[in-house]
Amino acid sequence: MARGRTCRGSAKSATPKVSKKKVSIIVRADQAQSVVVVGDFNQWDKTGIPLRKSPNGEWRVDLSLDPGEYQYRLKVDGQWQDHPEAQKRVPNPFGTENCVLVVQ
């Protein structure tokens, strides 16, 4: 009798793949020269993810993120700022607050 591996079916259950969601961050900063977003989703890299300015003065970036909560801050012309439209905020160790982006 030959010895070998036999396949008896997998005991592993298939883990449903969670698809990334497209989320937009939009900031009103008419006079700004640059706006970047920094947060959990880029490991707090201070160079940030740049937003693009539209003719109406809004800055925007579209991100593709897994569902969850992400803390972030904005840097407008090199200065840390809150995102005025953020619905949720949490204290940070610097005495200010991080905005929270909820992706569902």
PDB file of N, CA and C in Angstrom:
ATOM      1  N   MET A   1       0.852  -1.161   0.000  1.00  0.00           N
ATOM      2  CA  MET A   1       0.000   0.000   0.000  1.00  0.00           C
ATOM      3  C   MET A   1       0.899   1.226   0.000  1.00  0.00           C
ATOM      4  N   ALA A   2       0.631   2.132  -0.884  1.00  0.00           N
ATOM      5  CA  ALA A   2       1.429   3.342  -1.006  1.00  0.00           C
ATOM      6  C   ALA A   2       1.038   4.330   0.083  1.00  0.00           C
ATOM      7  N   ARG A   3       2.074   4.913   0.647  1.00  0.00           N
ATOM      8  CA  ARG A   3       1.811   5.924   1.663  1.00  0.00           C
ATOM      9  C   ARG A   3       1.898   7.295   1.016  1.00  0.00           C
ATOM     10  N   GLY A   4       1.022   8.124   1.352  1.00  0.00           N
ATOM     11  CA  GLY A   4       1.019   9.476   0.803  1.00  0.00           C
ATOM     12  C   GLY A   4      -0.017  10.310   1.513  1.00  0.00           C
ATOM     13  N   ARG A   5      -0.086  11.510   1.111  1.00  0.00           N
ATOM     14  CA  ARG A   5      -1.062  12.412   1.720  1.00  0.00           C
ATOM     15  C   ARG A   5      -2.390  12.229   1.022  1.00  0.00           C
ATOM     16  N   THR A   6      -3.401  12.215   1.797  1.00  0.00           N
ATOM     17  CA  THR A   6      -4.728  12.162   1.219  1.00  0.00           C
ATOM     18  C   THR A   6      -5.442  13.454   1.536  1.00  0.00           C
ATOM     19  N   CYS A   7      -6.259  13.854   0.665  1.00  0.00           N
ATOM     20  CA  CYS A   7      -7.021  15.089   0.854  1.00  0.00           C
ATOM     21  C   CYS A   7      -8.390  14.721   1.384  1.00  0.00           C
ATOM     22  N   ARG A   8      -8.694  15.208   2.546  1.00  0.00           N
ATOM     23  CA  ARG A   8      -9.992  14.888   3.145  1.00  0.00           C
ATOM     24  C   ARG A   8     -10.887  16.105   3.233  1.00  0.00           C
ATOM     25  N   GLY A   9     -10.614  17.095   2.491  1.00  0.00           N
ATOM     26  CA  GLY A   9     -11.418  18.318   2.577  1.00  0.00           C
ATOM     27  C   GLY A   9     -10.810  19.240   3.602  1.00  0.00           C
ATOM     28  N   SER A  10     -11.013  20.467   3.429  1.00  0.00           N
ATOM     29  CA  SER A  10     -10.404  21.467   4.288  1.00  0.00           C
ATOM     30  C   SER A  10     -11.299  21.759   5.474  1.00  0.00           C
ATOM     31  N   ALA A  11     -10.678  21.803   6.643  1.00  0.00           N
ATOM     32  CA  ALA A  11     -11.426  22.165   7.839  1.00  0.00           C
ATOM     33  C   ALA A  11     -11.517  23.680   7.985  1.00  0.00           C
ATOM     34  N   LYS A  12     -10.761  24.392   7.175  1.00  0.00           N
ATOM     35  CA  LYS A  12     -10.783  25.851   7.250  1.00  0.00           C
ATOM     36  C   LYS A  12     -12.077  26.379   6.652  1.00  0.00           C
ATOM     37  N   SER A  13     -12.654  27.326   7.323  1.00  0.00           N
ATOM     38  CA  SER A  13     -13.823  27.977   6.738  1.00  0.00           C
ATOM     39  C   SER A  13     -13.326  29.177   5.945  1.00  0.00           C
ATOM     40  N   ALA A  14     -13.994  29.442   4.908  1.00  0.00           N
ATOM     41  CA  ALA A  14     -13.598  30.563   4.055  1.00  0.00           C
ATOM     42  C   ALA A  14     -13.862  31.870   4.791  1.00  0.00           C
ATOM     43  N   THR A  15     -12.834  32.685   4.907  1.00  0.00           N
ATOM     44  CA  THR A  15     -12.984  33.995   5.517  1.00  0.00           C
ATOM     45  C   THR A  15     -13.463  34.954   4.447  1.00  0.00           C
ATOM     46  N   PRO A  16     -14.596  35.595   4.684  1.00  0.00           N
ATOM     47  CA  PRO A  16     -15.076  36.515   3.649  1.00  0.00           C
ATOM     48  C   PRO A  16     -14.092  37.658   3.441  1.00  0.00           C
ATOM     49  N   LYS A  17     -13.810  37.945   2.203  1.00  0.00           N
ATOM     50  CA  LYS A  17     -12.892  39.028   1.884  1.00  0.00           C
ATOM     51  C   LYS A  17     -13.648  40.349   1.986  1.00  0.00           C
ATOM     52  N   VAL A  18     -13.108  41.224   2.807  1.00  0.00           N
ATOM     53  CA  VAL A  18     -13.718  42.537   2.986  1.00  0.00           C
ATOM     54  C   VAL A  18     -13.119  43.459   1.939  1.00  0.00           C
ATOM     55  N   SER A  19     -13.974  44.051   1.161  1.00  0.00           N
ATOM     56  CA  SER A  19     -13.454  44.912   0.109  1.00  0.00           C
ATOM     57  C   SER A  19     -13.230  46.324   0.635  1.00  0.00           C
ATOM     58  N   LYS A  20     -12.233  46.957   0.068  1.00  0.00           N
ATOM     59  CA  LYS A  20     -11.920  48.333   0.443  1.00  0.00           C
ATOM     60  C   LYS A  20     -13.047  49.249  -0.019  1.00  0.00           C
ATOM     61  N   LYS A  21     -13.205  50.329   0.687  1.00  0.00           N
ATOM     62  CA  LYS A  21     -14.228  51.321   0.366  1.00  0.00           C
ATOM     63  C   LYS A  21     -13.552  52.610  -0.063  1.00  0.00           C
ATOM     64  N   LYS A  22     -14.154  53.265  -1.021  1.00  0.00           N
ATOM     65  CA  LYS A  22     -13.659  54.569  -1.449  1.00  0.00           C
ATOM     66  C   LYS A  22     -14.275  55.627  -0.540  1.00  0.00           C
ATOM     67  N   VAL A  23     -13.412  56.411   0.084  1.00  0.00           N
ATOM     68  CA  VAL A  23     -13.870  57.508   0.932  1.00  0.00           C
ATOM     69  C   VAL A  23     -13.166  58.780   0.491  1.00  0.00           C
ATOM     70  N   SER A  24     -13.867  59.878   0.587  1.00  0.00           N
ATOM     71  CA  SER A  24     -13.306  61.162   0.183  1.00  0.00           C
ATOM     72  C   SER A  24     -13.122  62.048   1.403  1.00  0.00           C
ATOM     73  N   ILE A  25     -12.015  62.753   1.412  1.00  0.00           N
ATOM     74  CA  ILE A  25     -11.795  63.802   2.408  1.00  0.00           C
ATOM     75  C   ILE A  25     -11.806  65.109   1.640  1.00  0.00           C
ATOM     76  N   ILE A  26     -12.712  65.993   2.034  1.00  0.00           N
ATOM     77  CA  ILE A  26     -12.882  67.278   1.360  1.00  0.00           C
ATOM     78  C   ILE A  26     -12.708  68.379   2.396  1.00  0.00           C
ATOM     79  N   VAL A  27     -11.878  69.350   2.064  1.00  0.00           N
ATOM     80  CA  VAL A  27     -11.556  70.439   2.991  1.00  0.00           C
ATOM     81  C   VAL A  27     -11.741  71.761   2.270  1.00  0.00           C
ATOM     82  N   ARG A  28     -12.364  72.708   2.946  1.00  0.00           N
ATOM     83  CA  ARG A  28     -12.510  74.060   2.408  1.00  0.00           C
ATOM     84  C   ARG A  28     -11.357  74.904   2.938  1.00  0.00           C
ATOM     85  N   ALA A  29     -10.441  75.291   2.058  1.00  0.00           N
ATOM     86  CA  ALA A  29      -9.291  76.109   2.456  1.00  0.00           C
ATOM     87  C   ALA A  29      -8.909  76.970   1.257  1.00  0.00           C
ATOM     88  N   ASP A  30      -9.705  78.000   1.012  1.00  0.00           N
ATOM     89  CA  ASP A  30      -9.562  78.838  -0.185  1.00  0.00           C
ATOM     90  C   ASP A  30      -8.157  79.391  -0.396  1.00  0.00           C
ATOM     91  N   GLN A  31      -7.538  79.874   0.664  1.00  0.00           N
ATOM     92  CA  GLN A  31      -6.258  80.562   0.538  1.00  0.00           C
ATOM     93  C   GLN A  31      -5.041  79.647   0.683  1.00  0.00           C
ATOM     94  N   ALA A  32      -5.253  78.369   0.961  1.00  0.00           N
ATOM     95  CA  ALA A  32      -4.140  77.454   1.209  1.00  0.00           C
ATOM     96  C   ALA A  32      -3.338  77.192  -0.066  1.00  0.00           C
ATOM     97  N   GLN A  33      -2.051  76.961   0.149  1.00  0.00           N
ATOM     98  CA  GLN A  33      -1.159  76.577  -0.944  1.00  0.00           C
ATOM     99  C   GLN A  33      -0.990  75.060  -1.011  1.00  0.00           C
ATOM    100  N   SER A  34      -1.134  74.397   0.136  1.00  0.00           N
ATOM    101  CA  SER A  34      -1.041  72.937   0.163  1.00  0.00           C
ATOM    102  C   SER A  34      -1.865  72.391   1.316  1.00  0.00           C
ATOM    103  N   VAL A  35      -2.457  71.241   1.092  1.00  0.00           N
ATOM    104  CA  VAL A  35      -3.213  70.532   2.125  1.00  0.00           C
ATOM    105  C   VAL A  35      -2.861  69.052   1.986  1.00  0.00           C
ATOM    106  N   VAL A  36      -2.465  68.445   3.112  1.00  0.00           N
ATOM    107  CA  VAL A  36      -2.209  67.005   3.135  1.00  0.00           C
ATOM    108  C   VAL A  36      -2.952  66.407   4.316  1.00  0.00           C
ATOM    109  N   VAL A  37      -3.237  65.121   4.232  1.00  0.00           N
ATOM    110  CA  VAL A  37      -3.856  64.392   5.329  1.00  0.00           C
ATOM    111  C   VAL A  37      -2.842  63.359   5.821  1.00  0.00           C
ATOM    112  N   VAL A  38      -2.756  63.244   7.155  1.00  0.00           N
ATOM    113  CA  VAL A  38      -1.824  62.335   7.802  1.00  0.00           C
ATOM    114  C   VAL A  38      -2.630  61.532   8.815  1.00  0.00           C
ATOM    115  N   GLY A  39      -2.416  60.220   8.861  1.00  0.00           N
ATOM    116  CA  GLY A  39      -3.171  59.432   9.824  1.00  0.00           C
ATOM    117  C   GLY A  39      -2.746  57.986   9.905  1.00  0.00           C
ATOM    118  N   ASP A  40      -3.589  57.208  10.572  1.00  0.00           N
ATOM    119  CA  ASP A  40      -3.355  55.776  10.720  1.00  0.00           C
ATOM    120  C   ASP A  40      -3.119  55.103   9.367  1.00  0.00           C
ATOM    121  N   PHE A  41      -3.855  55.534   8.374  1.00  0.00           N
ATOM    122  CA  PHE A  41      -3.824  54.887   7.063  1.00  0.00           C
ATOM    123  C   PHE A  41      -2.517  55.105   6.305  1.00  0.00           C
ATOM    124  N   ASN A  42      -1.651  56.024   6.767  1.00  0.00           N
ATOM    125  CA  ASN A  42      -0.318  56.171   6.154  1.00  0.00           C
ATOM    126  C   ASN A  42       0.774  56.114   7.222  1.00  0.00           C
ATOM    127  N   GLN A  43       0.468  55.434   8.334  1.00  0.00           N
ATOM    128  CA  GLN A  43       1.391  55.246   9.446  1.00  0.00           C
ATOM    129  C   GLN A  43       1.923  56.582   9.983  1.00  0.00           C
ATOM    130  N   TRP A  44       1.085  57.609   9.943  1.00  0.00           N
ATOM    131  CA  TRP A  44       1.407  58.934  10.449  1.00  0.00           C
ATOM    132  C   TRP A  44       2.658  59.528   9.801  1.00  0.00           C
ATOM    133  N   ASP A  45       2.874  59.195   8.548  1.00  0.00           N
ATOM    134  CA  ASP A  45       3.982  59.776   7.782  1.00  0.00           C
ATOM    135  C   ASP A  45       3.677  61.255   7.576  1.00  0.00           C
ATOM    136  N   LYS A  46       4.494  62.136   8.149  1.00  0.00           N
ATOM    137  CA  LYS A  46       4.217  63.571   8.164  1.00  0.00           C
ATOM    138  C   LYS A  46       4.220  64.217   6.782  1.00  0.00           C
ATOM    139  N   THR A  47       4.786  63.540   5.785  1.00  0.00           N
ATOM    140  CA  THR A  47       4.703  64.108   4.435  1.00  0.00           C
ATOM    141  C   THR A  47       3.257  64.084   3.953  1.00  0.00           C
ATOM    142  N   GLY A  48       2.481  63.158   4.470  1.00  0.00           N
ATOM    143  CA  GLY A  48       1.048  63.125   4.212  1.00  0.00           C
ATOM    144  C   GLY A  48       0.668  62.698   2.814  1.00  0.00           C
ATOM    145  N   ILE A  49      -0.628  62.623   2.612  1.00  0.00           N
ATOM    146  CA  ILE A  49      -1.221  62.330   1.315  1.00  0.00           C
ATOM    147  C   ILE A  49      -1.798  63.646   0.812  1.00  0.00           C
ATOM    148  N   PRO A  50      -1.310  64.134  -0.323  1.00  0.00           N
ATOM    149  CA  PRO A  50      -1.761  65.455  -0.795  1.00  0.00           C
ATOM    150  C   PRO A  50      -3.202  65.448  -1.301  1.00  0.00           C
ATOM    151  N   LEU A  51      -3.893  66.532  -0.995  1.00  0.00           N
ATOM    152  CA  LEU A  51      -5.224  66.768  -1.541  1.00  0.00           C
ATOM    153  C   LEU A  51      -5.063  67.654  -2.769  1.00  0.00           C
ATOM    154  N   ARG A  52      -6.002  67.545  -3.711  1.00  0.00           N
ATOM    155  CA  ARG A  52      -5.985  68.361  -4.925  1.00  0.00           C
ATOM    156  C   ARG A  52      -6.995  69.497  -4.784  1.00  0.00           C
ATOM    157  N   LYS A  53      -6.585  70.672  -5.231  1.00  0.00           N
ATOM    158  CA  LYS A  53      -7.461  71.846  -5.132  1.00  0.00           C
ATOM    159  C   LYS A  53      -8.333  71.940  -6.376  1.00  0.00           C
ATOM    160  N   SER A  54      -9.627  72.172  -6.141  1.00  0.00           N
ATOM    161  CA  SER A  54     -10.558  72.377  -7.245  1.00  0.00           C
ATOM    162  C   SER A  54     -10.761  73.871  -7.457  1.00  0.00           C
ATOM    163  N   PRO A  55     -11.319  74.256  -8.579  1.00  0.00           N
ATOM    164  CA  PRO A  55     -11.532  75.685  -8.853  1.00  0.00           C
ATOM    165  C   PRO A  55     -12.411  76.397  -7.822  1.00  0.00           C
ATOM    166  N   ASN A  56     -13.266  75.649  -7.109  1.00  0.00           N
ATOM    167  CA  ASN A  56     -14.155  76.288  -6.133  1.00  0.00           C
ATOM    168  C   ASN A  56     -13.518  76.452  -4.754  1.00  0.00           C
ATOM    169  N   GLY A  57     -12.206  76.134  -4.631  1.00  0.00           N
ATOM    170  CA  GLY A  57     -11.505  76.336  -3.370  1.00  0.00           C
ATOM    171  C   GLY A  57     -11.516  75.141  -2.440  1.00  0.00           C
ATOM    172  N   GLU A  58     -12.174  74.059  -2.845  1.00  0.00           N
ATOM    173  CA  GLU A  58     -12.168  72.853  -2.029  1.00  0.00           C
ATOM    174  C   GLU A  58     -10.961  71.990  -2.390  1.00  0.00           C
ATOM    175  N   TRP A  59     -10.412  71.348  -1.379  1.00  0.00           N
ATOM    176  CA  TRP A  59      -9.318  70.405  -1.538  1.00  0.00           C
ATOM    177  C   TRP A  59      -9.891  69.018  -1.314  1.00  0.00           C
ATOM    178  N   ARG A  60      -9.442  68.031  -2.116  1.00  0.00           N
ATOM    179  CA  ARG A  60     -10.058  66.704  -2.053  1.00  0.00           C
ATOM    180  C   ARG A  60      -9.032  65.618  -2.327  1.00  0.00           C
ATOM    181  N   VAL A  61      -9.230  64.496  -1.628  1.00  0.00           N
ATOM    182  CA  VAL A  61      -8.495  63.274  -1.928  1.00  0.00           C
ATOM    183  C   VAL A  61      -9.454  62.106  -1.735  1.00  0.00           C
ATOM    184  N   ASP A  62      -9.334  61.109  -2.597  1.00  0.00           N
ATOM    185  CA  ASP A  62     -10.115  59.880  -2.486  1.00  0.00           C
ATOM    186  C   ASP A  62      -9.177  58.789  -1.994  1.00  0.00           C
ATOM    187  N   LEU A  63      -9.576  58.120  -0.929  1.00  0.00           N
ATOM    188  CA  LEU A  63      -8.783  57.041  -0.353  1.00  0.00           C
ATOM    189  C   LEU A  63      -9.528  55.726  -0.497  1.00  0.00           C
ATOM    190  N   SER A  64      -8.800  54.650  -0.590  1.00  0.00           N
ATOM    191  CA  SER A  64      -9.375  53.307  -0.635  1.00  0.00           C
ATOM    192  C   SER A  64      -8.956  52.603   0.652  1.00  0.00           C
ATOM    193  N   LEU A  65      -9.914  52.417   1.570  1.00  0.00           N
ATOM    194  CA  LEU A  65      -9.607  51.905   2.899  1.00  0.00           C
ATOM    195  C   LEU A  65     -10.500  50.733   3.267  1.00  0.00           C
ATOM    196  N   ASP A  66      -9.950  49.833   4.086  1.00  0.00           N
ATOM    197  CA  ASP A  66     -10.755  48.757   4.647  1.00  0.00           C
ATOM    198  C   ASP A  66     -11.739  49.361   5.643  1.00  0.00           C
ATOM    199  N   PRO A  67     -12.877  48.702   5.863  1.00  0.00           N
ATOM    200  CA  PRO A  67     -13.801  49.195   6.887  1.00  0.00           C
ATOM    201  C   PRO A  67     -13.108  49.273   8.251  1.00  0.00           C
ATOM    202  N   GLY A  68     -13.454  50.289   9.000  1.00  0.00           N
ATOM    203  CA  GLY A  68     -12.872  50.493  10.318  1.00  0.00           C
ATOM    204  C   GLY A  68     -12.830  51.968  10.658  1.00  0.00           C
ATOM    205  N   GLU A  69     -12.141  52.286  11.739  1.00  0.00           N
ATOM    206  CA  GLU A  69     -11.986  53.678  12.170  1.00  0.00           C
ATOM    207  C   GLU A  69     -10.529  54.074  12.035  1.00  0.00           C
ATOM    208  N   TYR A  70     -10.298  55.258  11.513  1.00  0.00           N
ATOM    209  CA  TYR A  70      -8.955  55.775  11.276  1.00  0.00           C
ATOM    210  C   TYR A  70      -8.834  57.166  11.886  1.00  0.00           C
ATOM    211  N   GLN A  71      -7.794  57.369  12.680  1.00  0.00           N
ATOM    212  CA  GLN A  71      -7.526  58.698  13.217  1.00  0.00           C
ATOM    213  C   GLN A  71      -6.666  59.454  12.213  1.00  0.00           C
ATOM    214  N   TYR A  72      -6.898  60.753  12.113  1.00  0.00           N
ATOM    215  CA  TYR A  72      -6.134  61.564  11.168  1.00  0.00           C
ATOM    216  C   TYR A  72      -6.115  63.023  11.581  1.00  0.00           C
ATOM    217  N   ARG A  73      -5.205  63.772  10.969  1.00  0.00           N
ATOM    218  CA  ARG A  73      -5.124  65.227  11.113  1.00  0.00           C
ATOM    219  C   ARG A  73      -4.802  65.800   9.745  1.00  0.00           C
ATOM    220  N   LEU A  74      -5.078  67.070   9.585  1.00  0.00           N
ATOM    221  CA  LEU A  74      -4.742  67.785   8.357  1.00  0.00           C
ATOM    222  C   LEU A  74      -3.524  68.659   8.597  1.00  0.00           C
ATOM    223  N   LYS A  75      -2.734  68.847   7.561  1.00  0.00           N
ATOM    224  CA  LYS A  75      -1.669  69.849   7.573  1.00  0.00           C
ATOM    225  C   LYS A  75      -1.974  70.809   6.433  1.00  0.00           C
ATOM    226  N   VAL A  76      -2.298  72.042   6.805  1.00  0.00           N
ATOM    227  CA  VAL A  76      -2.610  73.081   5.830  1.00  0.00           C
ATOM    228  C   VAL A  76      -1.445  74.066   5.848  1.00  0.00           C
ATOM    229  N   ASP A  77      -0.795  74.179   4.708  1.00  0.00           N
ATOM    230  CA  ASP A  77       0.414  75.018   4.600  1.00  0.00           C
ATOM    231  C   ASP A  77       1.404  74.713   5.727  1.00  0.00           C
ATOM    232  N   GLY A  78       1.556  73.414   6.040  1.00  0.00           N
ATOM    233  CA  GLY A  78       2.530  72.977   7.036  1.00  0.00           C
ATOM    234  C   GLY A  78       2.065  73.042   8.475  1.00  0.00           C
ATOM    235  N   GLN A  79       0.867  73.547   8.733  1.00  0.00           N
ATOM    236  CA  GLN A  79       0.345  73.696  10.096  1.00  0.00           C
ATOM    237  C   GLN A  79      -0.729  72.639  10.374  1.00  0.00           C
ATOM    238  N   TRP A  80      -0.602  71.948  11.511  1.00  0.00           N
ATOM    239  CA  TRP A  80      -1.607  70.956  11.898  1.00  0.00           C
ATOM    240  C   TRP A  80      -2.952  71.642  12.135  1.00  0.00           C
ATOM    241  N   GLN A  81      -3.999  71.042  11.620  1.00  0.00           N
ATOM    242  CA  GLN A  81      -5.351  71.581  11.797  1.00  0.00           C
ATOM    243  C   GLN A  81      -6.358  70.454  11.932  1.00  0.00           C
ATOM    244  N   ASP A  82      -7.480  70.802  12.554  1.00  0.00           N
ATOM    245  CA  ASP A  82      -8.619  69.889  12.598  1.00  0.00           C
ATOM    246  C   ASP A  82      -9.358  69.940  11.272  1.00  0.00           C
ATOM    247  N   HIS A  83     -10.076  68.882  11.009  1.00  0.00           N
ATOM    248  CA  HIS A  83     -10.980  68.864   9.860  1.00  0.00           C
ATOM    249  C   HIS A  83     -12.346  69.308  10.381  1.00  0.00           C
ATOM    250  N   PRO A  84     -12.790  70.497  10.006  1.00  0.00           N
ATOM    251  CA  PRO A  84     -14.038  71.027  10.570  1.00  0.00           C
ATOM    252  C   PRO A  84     -15.248  70.115  10.380  1.00  0.00           C
ATOM    253  N   GLU A  85     -15.263  69.316   9.324  1.00  0.00           N
ATOM    254  CA  GLU A  85     -16.418  68.457   9.055  1.00  0.00           C
ATOM    255  C   GLU A  85     -16.344  67.106   9.752  1.00  0.00           C
ATOM    256  N   ALA A  86     -15.287  66.834  10.496  1.00  0.00           N
ATOM    257  CA  ALA A  86     -15.160  65.530  11.169  1.00  0.00           C
ATOM    258  C   ALA A  86     -16.288  65.364  12.184  1.00  0.00           C
ATOM    259  N   GLN A  87     -16.973  64.235  12.115  1.00  0.00           N
ATOM    260  CA  GLN A  87     -18.097  63.962  13.014  1.00  0.00           C
ATOM    261  C   GLN A  87     -17.647  63.447  14.368  1.00  0.00           C
ATOM    262  N   LYS A  88     -16.436  62.876  14.411  1.00  0.00           N
ATOM    263  CA  LYS A  88     -15.945  62.263  15.644  1.00  0.00           C
ATOM    264  C   LYS A  88     -14.501  62.688  15.859  1.00  0.00           C
ATOM    265  N   ARG A  89     -14.137  62.911  17.131  1.00  0.00           N
ATOM    266  CA  ARG A  89     -12.776  63.301  17.487  1.00  0.00           C
ATOM    267  C   ARG A  89     -12.377  62.589  18.780  1.00  0.00           C
ATOM    268  N   VAL A  90     -11.061  62.372  18.921  1.00  0.00           N
ATOM    269  CA  VAL A  90     -10.530  61.765  20.137  1.00  0.00           C
ATOM    270  C   VAL A  90      -9.298  62.550  20.574  1.00  0.00           C
ATOM    271  N   PRO A  91      -9.055  62.638  21.887  1.00  0.00           N
ATOM    272  CA  PRO A  91      -7.857  63.348  22.359  1.00  0.00           C
ATOM    273  C   PRO A  91      -6.587  62.640  21.883  1.00  0.00           C
ATOM    274  N   ASN A  92      -5.545  63.423  21.634  1.00  0.00           N
ATOM    275  CA  ASN A  92      -4.252  62.849  21.278  1.00  0.00           C
ATOM    276  C   ASN A  92      -3.223  63.257  22.328  1.00  0.00           C
ATOM    277  N   PRO A  93      -2.025  62.673  22.302  1.00  0.00           N
ATOM    278  CA  PRO A  93      -1.033  62.973  23.336  1.00  0.00           C
ATOM    279  C   PRO A  93      -0.431  64.375  23.259  1.00  0.00           C
ATOM    280  N   PHE A  94      -0.811  65.157  22.254  1.00  0.00           N
ATOM    281  CA  PHE A  94      -0.235  66.491  22.073  1.00  0.00           C
ATOM    282  C   PHE A  94      -1.143  67.600  22.594  1.00  0.00           C
ATOM    283  N   GLY A  95      -2.216  67.224  23.290  1.00  0.00           N
ATOM    284  CA  GLY A  95      -3.111  68.212  23.857  1.00  0.00           C
ATOM    285  C   GLY A  95      -4.152  68.736  22.887  1.00  0.00           C
ATOM    286  N   THR A  96      -4.224  68.137  21.721  1.00  0.00           N
ATOM    287  CA  THR A  96      -5.259  68.505  20.750  1.00  0.00           C
ATOM    288  C   THR A  96      -6.101  67.260  20.487  1.00  0.00           C
ATOM    289  N   GLU A  97      -6.819  67.252  19.406  1.00  0.00           N
ATOM    290  CA  GLU A  97      -7.654  66.107  19.070  1.00  0.00           C
ATOM    291  C   GLU A  97      -7.326  65.604  17.677  1.00  0.00           C
ATOM    292  N   ASN A  98      -7.469  64.291  17.519  1.00  0.00           N
ATOM    293  CA  ASN A  98      -7.418  63.686  16.197  1.00  0.00           C
ATOM    294  C   ASN A  98      -8.845  63.535  15.703  1.00  0.00           C
ATOM    295  N   CYS A  99      -9.029  63.729  14.431  1.00  0.00           N
ATOM    296  CA  CYS A  99     -10.311  63.460  13.798  1.00  0.00           C
ATOM    297  C   CYS A  99     -10.397  61.957  13.561  1.00  0.00           C
ATOM    298  N   VAL A 100     -11.609  61.440  13.503  1.00  0.00           N
ATOM    299  CA  VAL A 100     -11.811  60.014  13.273  1.00  0.00           C
ATOM    300  C   VAL A 100     -12.649  59.850  12.019  1.00  0.00           C
ATOM    301  N   LEU A 101     -12.103  59.076  11.088  1.00  0.00           N
ATOM    302  CA  LEU A 101     -12.800  58.750   9.847  1.00  0.00           C
ATOM    303  C   LEU A 101     -13.369  57.348  10.009  1.00  0.00           C
ATOM    304  N   VAL A 102     -14.681  57.206   9.897  1.00  0.00           N
ATOM    305  CA  VAL A 102     -15.332  55.910  10.035  1.00  0.00           C
ATOM    306  C   VAL A 102     -15.679  55.397   8.640  1.00  0.00           C
ATOM    307  N   VAL A 103     -15.124  54.226   8.310  1.00  0.00           N
ATOM    308  CA  VAL A 103     -15.360  53.594   7.017  1.00  0.00           C
ATOM    309  C   VAL A 103     -16.220  52.368   7.255  1.00  0.00           C
ATOM    310  N   GLN A 104     -17.397  52.329   6.624  1.00  0.00           N
ATOM    311  CA  GLN A 104     -18.315  51.191   6.824  1.00  0.00           C
ATOM    312  C   GLN A 104     -18.423  50.350   5.595  1.00  0.00           C
TER     313      GLN A 104
END
